[in-house]
Amino acid sequence: MTYEELVKLAKDSYGKADAAKVKEHVAIQFNVTGEAAGAFYLEVKDGQVFVEPYEYYDRDVLVTAEDKVLADIISGKLSIEKAYLTKKVQAEGNLKKALLLKDLVMKKEAKKAPAKKAPAKKEAAEKKAPAKKEAAEKKAPAKKAPAKKAAAKKEDK
């Protein structure tokens, strides 16, 4: 993974996150090691999330991690807490604000939660029902025609 791909992954993941409930300003700088070495930041401001490929000197938290670990955190495969406790991530500064990163991921995933399976079964049943109805109509078209004529005769009277 390149540095540009990692920043794009972060923008795509966090840029769509709902941060309306975050009332405070949060700035987290990520120092990336490994193949995608570089720095970028995530800022929560006025209910919006911004991710930019620059250093943020007045940051609340500085997070240092290998590119693969950071990609796993961004994609939700690894929690920020577990990464910190297993020393895959080093953090300096206000760690409470770093935990907001987890909240943003959770909000993002909640929006993309798949639909319940019950409606999918219902849709499949609805697709089968017209096929059964068509088959029944092909077998007995004469039965329906007289019923329609009888109904038309009733209307005429």
N, C-alpha and C. Protein backbone atom coordinates (compact mmCIF):
# COMPACT_ATOMS: atom_id res chain seq x y z
N MET A 1 0.85 -1.18 0.00
CA MET A 1 0.00 0.00 0.00
C MET A 1 0.90 1.25 0.00
N THR A 2 0.54 2.21 -0.80
CA THR A 2 1.30 3.45 -0.85
C THR A 2 0.73 4.46 0.16
N TYR A 3 1.48 5.51 0.39
CA TYR A 3 1.03 6.58 1.28
C TYR A 3 -0.28 7.19 0.76
N GLU A 4 -0.35 7.44 -0.53
CA GLU A 4 -1.54 8.04 -1.12
C GLU A 4 -2.76 7.14 -0.95
N GLU A 5 -2.56 5.83 -1.11
CA GLU A 5 -3.66 4.88 -0.95
C GLU A 5 -4.15 4.85 0.51
N LEU A 6 -3.22 4.94 1.44
CA LEU A 6 -3.58 4.93 2.85
C LEU A 6 -4.38 6.19 3.21
N VAL A 7 -3.94 7.33 2.74
CA VAL A 7 -4.66 8.58 3.01
C VAL A 7 -6.04 8.53 2.36
N LYS A 8 -6.13 7.99 1.16
CA LYS A 8 -7.43 7.87 0.49
C LYS A 8 -8.35 6.94 1.28
N LEU A 9 -7.82 5.84 1.78
CA LEU A 9 -8.60 4.92 2.61
C LEU A 9 -9.14 5.64 3.84
N ALA A 10 -8.30 6.44 4.48
CA ALA A 10 -8.73 7.20 5.66
C ALA A 10 -9.80 8.23 5.29
N LYS A 11 -9.61 8.92 4.16
CA LYS A 11 -10.61 9.91 3.72
C LYS A 11 -11.93 9.24 3.41
N ASP A 12 -11.88 8.12 2.70
CA ASP A 12 -13.10 7.42 2.33
C ASP A 12 -13.82 6.88 3.56
N SER A 13 -13.08 6.37 4.53
CA SER A 13 -13.68 5.79 5.73
C SER A 13 -14.19 6.85 6.70
N TYR A 14 -13.33 7.76 7.07
CA TYR A 14 -13.69 8.74 8.10
C TYR A 14 -14.40 9.96 7.55
N GLY A 15 -14.17 10.27 6.30
CA GLY A 15 -14.80 11.45 5.71
C GLY A 15 -16.32 11.36 5.67
N LYS A 16 -16.85 10.15 5.66
CA LYS A 16 -18.30 9.94 5.62
C LYS A 16 -18.88 9.71 7.00
N ALA A 17 -18.05 9.67 8.01
CA ALA A 17 -18.50 9.37 9.37
C ALA A 17 -19.35 10.52 9.91
N ASP A 18 -20.30 10.18 10.75
CA ASP A 18 -21.15 11.16 11.39
C ASP A 18 -20.48 11.64 12.67
N ALA A 19 -20.14 12.92 12.70
CA ALA A 19 -19.47 13.48 13.87
C ALA A 19 -20.31 14.59 14.50
N ALA A 20 -21.60 14.59 14.23
CA ALA A 20 -22.48 15.64 14.73
C ALA A 20 -22.52 15.70 16.25
N LYS A 21 -22.33 14.57 16.91
CA LYS A 21 -22.40 14.54 18.38
C LYS A 21 -21.09 14.96 19.03
N VAL A 22 -20.02 15.08 18.27
CA VAL A 22 -18.73 15.49 18.83
C VAL A 22 -18.74 17.02 18.90
N LYS A 23 -18.83 17.53 20.11
CA LYS A 23 -18.98 18.98 20.30
C LYS A 23 -17.64 19.69 20.42
N GLU A 24 -16.58 18.95 20.64
CA GLU A 24 -15.28 19.57 20.81
C GLU A 24 -14.43 19.42 19.56
N HIS A 25 -13.43 20.24 19.45
CA HIS A 25 -12.48 20.15 18.34
C HIS A 25 -11.48 19.05 18.64
N VAL A 26 -11.23 18.19 17.65
CA VAL A 26 -10.28 17.09 17.82
C VAL A 26 -9.34 17.08 16.63
N ALA A 27 -8.04 16.99 16.91
CA ALA A 27 -7.04 16.89 15.84
C ALA A 27 -6.08 15.76 16.18
N ILE A 28 -6.04 14.76 15.30
CA ILE A 28 -5.17 13.61 15.51
C ILE A 28 -4.22 13.52 14.33
N GLN A 29 -2.93 13.54 14.62
CA GLN A 29 -1.94 13.36 13.56
C GLN A 29 -1.47 11.92 13.57
N PHE A 30 -1.34 11.34 12.39
CA PHE A 30 -0.86 9.97 12.24
C PHE A 30 0.51 10.00 11.58
N ASN A 31 1.50 9.49 12.28
CA ASN A 31 2.83 9.31 11.70
C ASN A 31 2.89 7.83 11.28
N VAL A 32 3.04 7.62 9.99
CA VAL A 32 2.99 6.28 9.42
C VAL A 32 4.39 5.78 9.13
N THR A 33 4.67 4.54 9.54
CA THR A 33 5.95 3.91 9.23
C THR A 33 5.69 2.76 8.25
N GLY A 34 6.73 2.24 7.67
CA GLY A 34 6.58 1.14 6.72
C GLY A 34 6.61 1.66 5.28
N GLU A 35 6.06 0.89 4.37
CA GLU A 35 6.08 1.25 2.95
C GLU A 35 5.35 2.56 2.68
N ALA A 36 4.29 2.83 3.41
CA ALA A 36 3.49 4.03 3.20
C ALA A 36 3.87 5.14 4.17
N ALA A 37 5.15 5.27 4.46
CA ALA A 37 5.61 6.24 5.45
C ALA A 37 5.21 7.66 5.08
N GLY A 38 4.83 8.41 6.11
CA GLY A 38 4.43 9.80 5.92
C GLY A 38 3.60 10.24 7.11
N ALA A 39 2.94 11.37 6.97
CA ALA A 39 2.09 11.89 8.04
C ALA A 39 0.81 12.45 7.43
N PHE A 40 -0.29 12.25 8.13
CA PHE A 40 -1.55 12.88 7.76
C PHE A 40 -2.34 13.11 9.03
N TYR A 41 -3.40 13.90 8.91
CA TYR A 41 -4.18 14.18 10.12
C TYR A 41 -5.67 13.98 9.87
N LEU A 42 -6.36 13.77 10.99
CA LEU A 42 -7.81 13.68 11.02
C LEU A 42 -8.28 14.78 11.97
N GLU A 43 -9.19 15.59 11.51
CA GLU A 43 -9.70 16.68 12.33
C GLU A 43 -11.23 16.60 12.38
N VAL A 44 -11.78 16.73 13.58
CA VAL A 44 -13.22 16.81 13.76
C VAL A 44 -13.52 18.24 14.16
N LYS A 45 -14.32 18.90 13.33
CA LYS A 45 -14.61 20.31 13.57
C LYS A 45 -16.02 20.60 13.08
N ASP A 46 -16.83 21.20 13.93
CA ASP A 46 -18.21 21.58 13.58
C ASP A 46 -19.02 20.40 13.04
N GLY A 47 -18.83 19.23 13.64
CA GLY A 47 -19.61 18.06 13.25
C GLY A 47 -19.16 17.39 11.97
N GLN A 48 -18.06 17.81 11.41
CA GLN A 48 -17.54 17.21 10.18
C GLN A 48 -16.15 16.64 10.43
N VAL A 49 -15.80 15.65 9.61
CA VAL A 49 -14.49 15.02 9.72
C VAL A 49 -13.68 15.35 8.47
N PHE A 50 -12.47 15.80 8.71
CA PHE A 50 -11.56 16.14 7.61
C PHE A 50 -10.31 15.29 7.74
N VAL A 51 -9.84 14.76 6.63
CA VAL A 51 -8.59 14.00 6.60
C VAL A 51 -7.73 14.63 5.50
N GLU A 52 -6.53 15.05 5.88
CA GLU A 52 -5.64 15.72 4.93
C GLU A 52 -4.22 15.17 5.06
N PRO A 53 -3.49 15.16 3.96
CA PRO A 53 -2.12 14.59 3.96
C PRO A 53 -1.05 15.59 4.42
N TYR A 54 -1.23 16.14 5.59
CA TYR A 54 -0.27 17.10 6.13
C TYR A 54 -0.04 16.82 7.61
N GLU A 55 1.00 17.42 8.16
CA GLU A 55 1.22 17.38 9.61
C GLU A 55 0.30 18.41 10.26
N TYR A 56 -0.07 18.17 11.50
CA TYR A 56 -0.93 19.08 12.24
C TYR A 56 -0.18 19.43 13.51
N TYR A 57 0.38 20.62 13.54
CA TYR A 57 1.28 20.99 14.64
C TYR A 57 0.55 21.27 15.96
N ASP A 58 -0.67 21.72 15.92
CA ASP A 58 -1.42 22.01 17.14
C ASP A 58 -2.39 20.87 17.44
N ARG A 59 -1.90 19.65 17.37
CA ARG A 59 -2.72 18.44 17.50
C ARG A 59 -3.02 18.12 18.96
N ASP A 60 -4.07 17.33 19.14
CA ASP A 60 -4.41 16.83 20.47
C ASP A 60 -3.68 15.51 20.74
N VAL A 61 -3.51 14.71 19.70
CA VAL A 61 -2.92 13.38 19.83
C VAL A 61 -2.00 13.13 18.65
N LEU A 62 -0.88 12.47 18.93
CA LEU A 62 0.03 12.02 17.89
C LEU A 62 0.05 10.49 17.95
N VAL A 63 -0.38 9.86 16.86
CA VAL A 63 -0.44 8.40 16.78
C VAL A 63 0.62 7.94 15.79
N THR A 64 1.46 7.02 16.21
CA THR A 64 2.49 6.45 15.34
C THR A 64 2.21 4.97 15.18
N ALA A 65 2.16 4.52 13.91
CA ALA A 65 1.86 3.12 13.65
C ALA A 65 2.39 2.72 12.29
N GLU A 66 2.58 1.42 12.12
CA GLU A 66 2.97 0.88 10.82
C GLU A 66 1.77 0.98 9.87
N ASP A 67 2.04 1.14 8.59
CA ASP A 67 0.98 1.33 7.61
C ASP A 67 -0.07 0.23 7.61
N LYS A 68 0.34 -1.02 7.75
CA LYS A 68 -0.60 -2.14 7.73
C LYS A 68 -1.50 -2.13 8.97
N VAL A 69 -0.94 -1.78 10.10
CA VAL A 69 -1.73 -1.70 11.33
C VAL A 69 -2.75 -0.58 11.21
N LEU A 70 -2.31 0.55 10.70
CA LEU A 70 -3.21 1.69 10.55
C LEU A 70 -4.32 1.38 9.56
N ALA A 71 -3.99 0.67 8.49
CA ALA A 71 -5.01 0.27 7.51
C ALA A 71 -6.05 -0.64 8.17
N ASP A 72 -5.61 -1.53 9.05
CA ASP A 72 -6.55 -2.41 9.76
C ASP A 72 -7.44 -1.62 10.72
N ILE A 73 -6.90 -0.60 11.36
CA ILE A 73 -7.69 0.24 12.26
C ILE A 73 -8.73 1.02 11.45
N ILE A 74 -8.29 1.61 10.36
CA ILE A 74 -9.19 2.41 9.52
C ILE A 74 -10.32 1.56 8.96
N SER A 75 -10.00 0.34 8.54
CA SER A 75 -11.02 -0.52 7.94
C SER A 75 -11.89 -1.21 8.98
N GLY A 76 -11.55 -1.07 10.26
CA GLY A 76 -12.37 -1.65 11.32
C GLY A 76 -11.99 -3.08 11.69
N LYS A 77 -10.92 -3.59 11.13
CA LYS A 77 -10.48 -4.95 11.44
C LYS A 77 -9.77 -5.03 12.79
N LEU A 78 -9.25 -3.90 13.25
CA LEU A 78 -8.50 -3.85 14.51
C LEU A 78 -8.96 -2.62 15.29
N SER A 79 -9.27 -2.81 16.57
CA SER A 79 -9.69 -1.67 17.38
C SER A 79 -8.48 -0.85 17.79
N ILE A 80 -8.68 0.43 17.95
CA ILE A 80 -7.59 1.32 18.36
C ILE A 80 -7.09 0.94 19.75
N GLU A 81 -8.01 0.49 20.63
CA GLU A 81 -7.60 0.11 21.98
C GLU A 81 -6.70 -1.12 21.95
N LYS A 82 -7.10 -2.13 21.20
CA LYS A 82 -6.31 -3.36 21.13
C LYS A 82 -4.94 -3.07 20.52
N ALA A 83 -4.91 -2.24 19.50
CA ALA A 83 -3.64 -1.88 18.87
C ALA A 83 -2.73 -1.17 19.86
N TYR A 84 -3.30 -0.30 20.68
CA TYR A 84 -2.51 0.44 21.68
C TYR A 84 -2.02 -0.49 22.78
N LEU A 85 -2.91 -1.35 23.27
CA LEU A 85 -2.54 -2.26 24.37
C LEU A 85 -1.52 -3.31 23.93
N THR A 86 -1.52 -3.68 22.67
CA THR A 86 -0.54 -4.66 22.17
C THR A 86 0.70 -3.96 21.60
N LYS A 87 0.77 -2.67 21.82
CA LYS A 87 1.92 -1.85 21.42
C LYS A 87 2.16 -1.82 19.91
N LYS A 88 1.09 -2.02 19.15
CA LYS A 88 1.19 -1.88 17.70
C LYS A 88 1.05 -0.41 17.30
N VAL A 89 0.54 0.38 18.26
CA VAL A 89 0.34 1.80 18.06
C VAL A 89 0.91 2.53 19.27
N GLN A 90 1.63 3.60 19.02
CA GLN A 90 2.08 4.47 20.10
C GLN A 90 1.28 5.77 19.99
N ALA A 91 0.87 6.30 21.14
CA ALA A 91 0.10 7.53 21.14
C ALA A 91 0.63 8.47 22.21
N GLU A 92 0.68 9.74 21.86
CA GLU A 92 1.10 10.79 22.79
C GLU A 92 0.04 11.87 22.78
N GLY A 93 -0.26 12.39 23.96
CA GLY A 93 -1.22 13.48 24.04
C GLY A 93 -2.49 13.06 24.76
N ASN A 94 -3.61 13.66 24.38
CA ASN A 94 -4.89 13.42 25.02
C ASN A 94 -5.50 12.12 24.46
N LEU A 95 -5.30 11.02 25.16
CA LEU A 95 -5.75 9.71 24.69
C LEU A 95 -7.27 9.59 24.65
N LYS A 96 -7.98 10.36 25.47
CA LYS A 96 -9.44 10.34 25.41
C LYS A 96 -9.92 10.80 24.03
N LYS A 97 -9.24 11.77 23.48
CA LYS A 97 -9.62 12.23 22.15
C LYS A 97 -9.26 11.21 21.08
N ALA A 98 -8.23 10.44 21.31
CA ALA A 98 -7.87 9.38 20.37
C ALA A 98 -8.96 8.32 20.31
N LEU A 99 -9.65 8.10 21.43
CA LEU A 99 -10.73 7.12 21.47
C LEU A 99 -11.93 7.55 20.64
N LEU A 100 -12.03 8.82 20.31
CA LEU A 100 -13.10 9.28 19.42
C LEU A 100 -12.98 8.63 18.04
N LEU A 101 -11.78 8.22 17.71
CA LEU A 101 -11.54 7.52 16.45
C LEU A 101 -12.40 6.26 16.38
N LYS A 102 -12.49 5.56 17.49
CA LYS A 102 -13.31 4.35 17.56
C LYS A 102 -14.78 4.70 17.34
N ASP A 103 -15.25 5.76 17.96
CA ASP A 103 -16.64 6.17 17.81
C ASP A 103 -16.97 6.51 16.36
N LEU A 104 -16.05 7.14 15.68
CA LEU A 104 -16.29 7.47 14.28
C LEU A 104 -16.39 6.21 13.43
N VAL A 105 -15.55 5.23 13.70
CA VAL A 105 -15.61 3.97 12.96
C VAL A 105 -16.94 3.29 13.22
N MET A 106 -17.36 3.23 14.48
CA MET A 106 -18.61 2.56 14.82
C MET A 106 -19.79 3.23 14.14
N LYS A 107 -19.81 4.53 14.09
CA LYS A 107 -20.90 5.24 13.44
C LYS A 107 -20.91 4.93 11.95
N LYS A 108 -19.76 4.90 11.35
CA LYS A 108 -19.66 4.61 9.93
C LYS A 108 -20.19 3.22 9.64
N GLU A 109 -19.79 2.22 10.45
CA GLU A 109 -20.22 0.84 10.23
C GLU A 109 -21.72 0.70 10.46
N ALA A 110 -22.26 1.43 11.40
CA ALA A 110 -23.69 1.32 11.69
C ALA A 110 -24.50 1.76 10.48
N LYS A 111 -24.03 2.75 9.76
CA LYS A 111 -24.74 3.22 8.58
C LYS A 111 -24.72 2.19 7.47
N LYS A 112 -23.67 1.41 7.41
CA LYS A 112 -23.52 0.45 6.33
C LYS A 112 -23.98 -0.96 6.72
N ALA A 113 -24.67 -1.08 7.85
CA ALA A 113 -25.10 -2.39 8.31
C ALA A 113 -26.02 -3.02 7.27
N PRO A 114 -25.83 -4.30 6.98
CA PRO A 114 -26.67 -4.94 5.98
C PRO A 114 -28.10 -5.09 6.47
N ALA A 115 -29.02 -5.16 5.52
CA ALA A 115 -30.43 -5.31 5.85
C ALA A 115 -30.66 -6.69 6.46
N LYS A 116 -31.74 -6.82 7.20
CA LYS A 116 -32.06 -8.10 7.82
C LYS A 116 -32.34 -9.12 6.72
N LYS A 117 -32.10 -10.38 7.03
CA LYS A 117 -32.28 -11.43 6.03
C LYS A 117 -33.76 -11.73 5.78
N ALA A 118 -34.63 -11.45 6.70
CA ALA A 118 -36.05 -11.76 6.53
C ALA A 118 -36.63 -11.08 5.29
N PRO A 119 -36.38 -9.79 5.05
CA PRO A 119 -36.92 -9.19 3.83
C PRO A 119 -36.39 -9.85 2.56
N ALA A 120 -35.16 -10.31 2.59
CA ALA A 120 -34.61 -10.97 1.40
C ALA A 120 -35.39 -12.25 1.12
N LYS A 121 -35.76 -13.01 2.16
CA LYS A 121 -36.56 -14.21 1.97
C LYS A 121 -37.94 -13.85 1.44
N LYS A 122 -38.49 -12.76 1.95
CA LYS A 122 -39.81 -12.31 1.51
C LYS A 122 -39.76 -11.95 0.03
N GLU A 123 -38.69 -11.24 -0.39
CA GLU A 123 -38.54 -10.89 -1.80
C GLU A 123 -38.44 -12.13 -2.66
N ALA A 124 -37.73 -13.14 -2.20
CA ALA A 124 -37.60 -14.38 -2.97
C ALA A 124 -38.95 -15.05 -3.09
N ALA A 125 -39.74 -15.04 -2.03
CA ALA A 125 -41.07 -15.63 -2.06
C ALA A 125 -41.97 -14.86 -3.02
N GLU A 126 -41.83 -13.52 -3.03
CA GLU A 126 -42.64 -12.70 -3.94
C GLU A 126 -42.27 -12.98 -5.39
N LYS A 127 -40.99 -13.26 -5.65
CA LYS A 127 -40.57 -13.58 -7.02
C LYS A 127 -41.15 -14.92 -7.45
N LYS A 128 -41.24 -15.88 -6.51
CA LYS A 128 -41.78 -17.20 -6.82
C LYS A 128 -43.29 -17.14 -7.00
N ALA A 129 -43.97 -16.30 -6.25
CA ALA A 129 -45.43 -16.23 -6.31
C ALA A 129 -45.94 -15.88 -7.70
N PRO A 130 -45.42 -14.88 -8.41
CA PRO A 130 -45.90 -14.60 -9.76
C PRO A 130 -45.66 -15.77 -10.71
N ALA A 131 -44.57 -16.48 -10.52
CA ALA A 131 -44.29 -17.63 -11.37
C ALA A 131 -45.33 -18.71 -11.16
N LYS A 132 -45.72 -18.97 -9.91
CA LYS A 132 -46.76 -19.95 -9.61
C LYS A 132 -48.10 -19.50 -10.18
N LYS A 133 -48.38 -18.21 -10.07
CA LYS A 133 -49.64 -17.67 -10.58
C LYS A 133 -49.71 -17.81 -12.09
N GLU A 134 -48.59 -17.50 -12.78
CA GLU A 134 -48.54 -17.64 -14.24
C GLU A 134 -48.75 -19.08 -14.65
N ALA A 135 -48.13 -20.01 -13.94
CA ALA A 135 -48.28 -21.43 -14.25
C ALA A 135 -49.73 -21.86 -14.07
N ALA A 136 -50.37 -21.38 -13.04
CA ALA A 136 -51.77 -21.72 -12.80
C ALA A 136 -52.66 -21.15 -13.89
N GLU A 137 -52.36 -19.93 -14.34
CA GLU A 137 -53.15 -19.30 -15.40
C GLU A 137 -52.99 -20.06 -16.72
N LYS A 138 -51.79 -20.56 -17.01
CA LYS A 138 -51.56 -21.30 -18.24
C LYS A 138 -52.32 -22.62 -18.22
N LYS A 139 -52.44 -23.24 -17.06
CA LYS A 139 -53.14 -24.52 -16.95
C LYS A 139 -54.65 -24.36 -17.07
N ALA A 140 -55.21 -23.30 -16.57
CA ALA A 140 -56.66 -23.16 -16.54
C ALA A 140 -57.12 -21.80 -17.03
N PRO A 141 -56.80 -21.38 -18.25
CA PRO A 141 -57.27 -20.06 -18.70
C PRO A 141 -58.77 -20.04 -18.94
N ALA A 142 -59.37 -21.18 -19.31
CA ALA A 142 -60.81 -21.22 -19.60
C ALA A 142 -61.64 -20.96 -18.35
N LYS A 143 -61.17 -21.34 -17.20
CA LYS A 143 -61.92 -21.16 -15.96
C LYS A 143 -62.08 -19.69 -15.62
N LYS A 144 -61.10 -18.90 -15.94
CA LYS A 144 -61.16 -17.48 -15.58
C LYS A 144 -62.02 -16.69 -16.54
N ALA A 145 -62.03 -17.06 -17.80
CA ALA A 145 -62.80 -16.31 -18.79
C ALA A 145 -64.29 -16.30 -18.48
N PRO A 146 -64.92 -17.43 -18.18
CA PRO A 146 -66.35 -17.38 -17.86
C PRO A 146 -66.63 -16.53 -16.62
N ALA A 147 -65.75 -16.54 -15.66
CA ALA A 147 -65.97 -15.74 -14.46
C ALA A 147 -66.00 -14.27 -14.81
N LYS A 148 -65.17 -13.87 -15.73
CA LYS A 148 -65.15 -12.46 -16.14
C LYS A 148 -66.43 -12.12 -16.90
N LYS A 149 -66.89 -13.05 -17.74
CA LYS A 149 -68.12 -12.80 -18.49
C LYS A 149 -69.30 -12.72 -17.56
N ALA A 150 -69.32 -13.57 -16.54
CA ALA A 150 -70.42 -13.55 -15.58
C ALA A 150 -70.42 -12.23 -14.82
N ALA A 151 -69.25 -11.75 -14.48
CA ALA A 151 -69.16 -10.48 -13.77
C ALA A 151 -69.62 -9.34 -14.68
N ALA A 152 -69.30 -9.43 -15.96
CA ALA A 152 -69.72 -8.39 -16.91
C ALA A 152 -71.23 -8.43 -17.06
N LYS A 153 -71.84 -9.61 -17.09
CA LYS A 153 -73.30 -9.72 -17.22
C LYS A 153 -73.98 -9.12 -16.00
N LYS A 154 -73.42 -9.30 -14.81
CA LYS A 154 -74.00 -8.73 -13.60
C LYS A 154 -73.99 -7.21 -13.66
N GLU A 155 -72.91 -6.65 -14.25
CA GLU A 155 -72.81 -5.19 -14.35
C GLU A 155 -73.85 -4.65 -15.32
N ASP A 156 -74.14 -5.39 -16.39
CA ASP A 156 -75.11 -4.97 -17.40
C ASP A 156 -76.52 -4.90 -16.80
N LYS A 157 -76.86 -5.77 -15.88
CA LYS A 157 -78.21 -5.83 -15.29
C LYS A 157 -78.40 -4.69 -14.39
